[in-house]
């Protein structure tokens, strides 16, 4: 199983790429935990998680080919 991950803003700086593929990740919570363990700088930022372009607020199962994105909080005006 492969998922595509997208990172935006300061989160892409923390990870070092805008896009990366992962395998053997089965839920959004597992993904976030993996990213924070691999890239501790990510934990210093507030962010939201989206799966297939929909913001999520709880752990979501992932399927092969899904796209998960980490979106930094932003303010507009």
N, C-alpha and C. Protein backbone atom coordinates (compact mmCIF):
# COMPACT_ATOMS: atom_id res chain seq x y z
N UNK A 1 0.84 -1.17 0.00
CA UNK A 1 0.00 0.00 0.00
C UNK A 1 0.88 1.24 0.00
N UNK A 2 0.59 2.19 -0.86
CA UNK A 2 1.36 3.43 -0.95
C UNK A 2 0.42 4.62 -0.84
N UNK A 3 0.82 5.59 -0.04
CA UNK A 3 0.08 6.85 0.02
C UNK A 3 1.00 7.98 -0.39
N UNK A 4 0.41 9.03 -0.90
CA UNK A 4 1.15 10.21 -1.30
C UNK A 4 0.95 11.27 -0.23
N UNK A 5 2.03 11.86 0.25
CA UNK A 5 1.94 12.89 1.28
C UNK A 5 2.40 14.23 0.71
N UNK A 6 1.66 15.28 1.06
CA UNK A 6 1.98 16.63 0.64
C UNK A 6 2.24 17.48 1.88
N UNK A 7 3.24 18.34 1.80
CA UNK A 7 3.61 19.21 2.90
C UNK A 7 3.65 20.64 2.39
N UNK A 8 3.09 21.56 3.16
CA UNK A 8 3.00 22.95 2.71
C UNK A 8 3.67 23.89 3.70
N UNK A 9 4.15 25.03 3.19
CA UNK A 9 4.72 26.09 4.01
C UNK A 9 5.87 25.61 4.88
N UNK A 10 5.83 26.02 6.15
CA UNK A 10 6.92 25.68 7.08
C UNK A 10 7.05 24.18 7.27
N UNK A 11 5.97 23.44 7.02
CA UNK A 11 6.04 21.98 7.17
C UNK A 11 6.88 21.35 6.06
N UNK A 12 6.81 21.89 4.85
CA UNK A 12 7.68 21.37 3.79
C UNK A 12 9.13 21.71 4.09
N UNK A 13 9.36 22.86 4.73
CA UNK A 13 10.73 23.20 5.14
C UNK A 13 11.23 22.21 6.19
N UNK A 14 10.38 21.85 7.14
CA UNK A 14 10.78 20.93 8.21
C UNK A 14 11.08 19.54 7.68
N UNK A 15 10.31 19.10 6.67
CA UNK A 15 10.48 17.75 6.11
C UNK A 15 11.55 17.75 5.01
N UNK A 16 11.70 18.88 4.34
CA UNK A 16 12.72 18.99 3.29
C UNK A 16 12.20 18.71 1.89
N UNK A 17 10.92 18.38 1.77
CA UNK A 17 10.31 18.15 0.46
C UNK A 17 8.85 18.61 0.50
N UNK A 18 8.27 18.81 -0.66
CA UNK A 18 6.84 19.15 -0.74
C UNK A 18 5.98 17.90 -0.88
N UNK A 19 6.58 16.84 -1.41
CA UNK A 19 5.80 15.63 -1.69
C UNK A 19 6.67 14.41 -1.44
N UNK A 20 6.05 13.38 -0.86
CA UNK A 20 6.81 12.16 -0.56
C UNK A 20 5.83 10.99 -0.51
N UNK A 21 6.28 9.83 -0.95
CA UNK A 21 5.45 8.62 -0.90
C UNK A 21 5.83 7.79 0.33
N UNK A 22 4.81 7.16 0.92
CA UNK A 22 5.01 6.31 2.09
C UNK A 22 4.29 4.99 1.87
N UNK A 23 4.82 3.94 2.45
CA UNK A 23 4.13 2.65 2.41
C UNK A 23 3.94 2.17 3.84
N UNK A 24 3.04 1.24 4.02
CA UNK A 24 2.76 0.64 5.32
C UNK A 24 2.25 1.63 6.36
N UNK A 25 1.56 2.65 5.93
CA UNK A 25 0.87 3.59 6.83
C UNK A 25 -0.62 3.35 6.62
N UNK A 26 -1.35 3.09 7.71
CA UNK A 26 -2.74 2.66 7.56
C UNK A 26 -3.78 3.64 8.09
N UNK A 27 -3.33 4.70 8.79
CA UNK A 27 -4.29 5.69 9.29
C UNK A 27 -3.62 7.06 9.35
N UNK A 28 -4.45 8.09 9.42
CA UNK A 28 -3.90 9.44 9.49
C UNK A 28 -3.11 9.65 10.77
N UNK A 29 -3.58 9.10 11.89
CA UNK A 29 -2.84 9.24 13.14
C UNK A 29 -1.49 8.55 13.07
N UNK A 30 -1.44 7.37 12.46
CA UNK A 30 -0.17 6.65 12.28
C UNK A 30 0.78 7.48 11.42
N UNK A 31 0.26 8.13 10.40
CA UNK A 31 1.07 8.97 9.53
C UNK A 31 1.67 10.14 10.31
N UNK A 32 0.83 10.86 11.05
CA UNK A 32 1.30 12.02 11.81
C UNK A 32 2.36 11.59 12.82
N UNK A 33 2.12 10.50 13.51
CA UNK A 33 3.11 9.99 14.47
C UNK A 33 4.43 9.66 13.78
N UNK A 34 4.36 9.03 12.63
CA UNK A 34 5.56 8.68 11.87
C UNK A 34 6.33 9.94 11.46
N UNK A 35 5.62 10.94 10.96
CA UNK A 35 6.26 12.18 10.51
C UNK A 35 6.93 12.90 11.68
N UNK A 36 6.24 12.99 12.82
CA UNK A 36 6.81 13.67 13.98
C UNK A 36 8.04 12.92 14.50
N UNK A 37 8.01 11.59 14.47
CA UNK A 37 9.18 10.82 14.90
C UNK A 37 10.36 11.01 13.95
N UNK A 38 10.09 11.05 12.65
CA UNK A 38 11.15 11.19 11.66
C UNK A 38 11.63 12.63 11.52
N UNK A 39 10.72 13.58 11.70
CA UNK A 39 11.03 15.01 11.54
C UNK A 39 10.48 15.78 12.75
N UNK A 40 11.17 15.76 13.89
CA UNK A 40 10.67 16.38 15.12
C UNK A 40 10.33 17.86 14.98
N UNK A 41 10.94 18.54 14.04
CA UNK A 41 10.67 19.96 13.81
C UNK A 41 9.20 20.20 13.46
N UNK A 42 8.56 19.21 12.86
CA UNK A 42 7.14 19.33 12.49
C UNK A 42 6.28 19.58 13.73
N UNK A 43 6.61 18.96 14.84
CA UNK A 43 5.82 19.07 16.07
C UNK A 43 5.84 20.48 16.65
N UNK A 44 6.77 21.31 16.23
CA UNK A 44 6.85 22.69 16.72
C UNK A 44 5.83 23.60 16.04
N UNK A 45 5.11 23.07 15.08
CA UNK A 45 4.15 23.86 14.30
C UNK A 45 2.73 23.34 14.50
N UNK A 46 1.78 24.24 14.45
CA UNK A 46 0.38 23.84 14.44
C UNK A 46 0.00 23.53 13.00
N UNK A 47 -0.78 22.48 12.81
CA UNK A 47 -1.18 22.13 11.44
C UNK A 47 -2.49 21.36 11.46
N UNK A 48 -3.08 21.29 10.29
CA UNK A 48 -4.28 20.49 10.08
C UNK A 48 -3.94 19.38 9.09
N UNK A 49 -4.76 18.34 9.10
CA UNK A 49 -4.53 17.19 8.24
C UNK A 49 -5.72 17.07 7.29
N UNK A 50 -5.41 16.83 6.02
CA UNK A 50 -6.45 16.58 5.02
C UNK A 50 -6.17 15.24 4.34
N UNK A 51 -7.23 14.50 4.08
CA UNK A 51 -7.12 13.25 3.32
C UNK A 51 -7.98 13.43 2.07
N UNK A 52 -7.35 13.26 0.93
CA UNK A 52 -8.02 13.41 -0.36
C UNK A 52 -8.79 14.73 -0.42
N UNK A 53 -8.09 15.81 -0.03
CA UNK A 53 -8.57 17.20 -0.10
C UNK A 53 -9.72 17.52 0.85
N UNK A 54 -9.93 16.70 1.89
CA UNK A 54 -10.95 16.97 2.89
C UNK A 54 -10.29 17.05 4.26
N UNK A 55 -10.49 18.17 4.97
CA UNK A 55 -9.94 18.29 6.31
C UNK A 55 -10.56 17.25 7.21
N UNK A 56 -9.73 16.64 8.05
CA UNK A 56 -10.23 15.62 8.98
C UNK A 56 -9.94 16.08 10.40
N UNK A 57 -10.70 15.55 11.36
CA UNK A 57 -10.55 15.95 12.75
C UNK A 57 -10.37 14.76 13.68
N UNK A 58 -10.31 13.58 13.11
CA UNK A 58 -10.05 12.37 13.91
C UNK A 58 -9.31 11.38 13.02
N UNK A 59 -8.83 10.32 13.63
CA UNK A 59 -8.08 9.33 12.86
C UNK A 59 -8.93 8.78 11.73
N UNK A 60 -8.35 8.73 10.55
CA UNK A 60 -9.04 8.27 9.35
C UNK A 60 -8.25 7.14 8.71
N UNK A 61 -8.90 6.03 8.38
CA UNK A 61 -8.20 4.95 7.69
C UNK A 61 -7.72 5.43 6.31
N UNK A 62 -6.56 4.96 5.90
CA UNK A 62 -6.01 5.30 4.59
C UNK A 62 -6.04 4.08 3.69
N UNK A 63 -6.27 4.33 2.39
CA UNK A 63 -6.28 3.28 1.38
C UNK A 63 -5.15 3.51 0.40
N UNK A 64 -4.79 2.48 -0.30
CA UNK A 64 -3.77 2.59 -1.34
C UNK A 64 -4.14 3.71 -2.30
N UNK A 65 -3.19 4.60 -2.55
CA UNK A 65 -3.40 5.68 -3.50
C UNK A 65 -3.95 6.96 -2.89
N UNK A 66 -4.32 6.94 -1.59
CA UNK A 66 -4.82 8.15 -0.94
C UNK A 66 -3.72 9.21 -0.89
N UNK A 67 -4.17 10.47 -0.79
CA UNK A 67 -3.25 11.60 -0.59
C UNK A 67 -3.57 12.21 0.77
N UNK A 68 -2.53 12.35 1.56
CA UNK A 68 -2.67 13.00 2.87
C UNK A 68 -1.81 14.26 2.83
N UNK A 69 -2.35 15.34 3.38
CA UNK A 69 -1.63 16.61 3.36
C UNK A 69 -1.55 17.19 4.76
N UNK A 70 -0.40 17.76 5.07
CA UNK A 70 -0.23 18.52 6.31
C UNK A 70 -0.24 20.00 5.92
N UNK A 71 -1.18 20.72 6.51
CA UNK A 71 -1.40 22.12 6.18
C UNK A 71 -1.13 22.98 7.40
N UNK A 72 -0.17 23.90 7.31
CA UNK A 72 0.08 24.77 8.46
C UNK A 72 -1.13 25.68 8.67
N UNK A 73 -1.35 26.06 9.94
CA UNK A 73 -2.41 27.03 10.21
C UNK A 73 -2.03 28.34 9.52
N UNK A 74 -3.01 29.04 9.07
CA UNK A 74 -2.74 30.28 8.36
C UNK A 74 -3.78 31.31 8.80
N UNK A 75 -3.43 32.56 8.59
CA UNK A 75 -4.35 33.66 8.87
C UNK A 75 -4.45 34.51 7.61
N UNK A 76 -5.58 35.05 7.42
CA UNK A 76 -5.78 35.87 6.23
C UNK A 76 -6.40 37.20 6.64
N UNK A 77 -6.46 38.06 5.68
CA UNK A 77 -7.06 39.35 6.01
C UNK A 77 -7.29 40.14 4.78
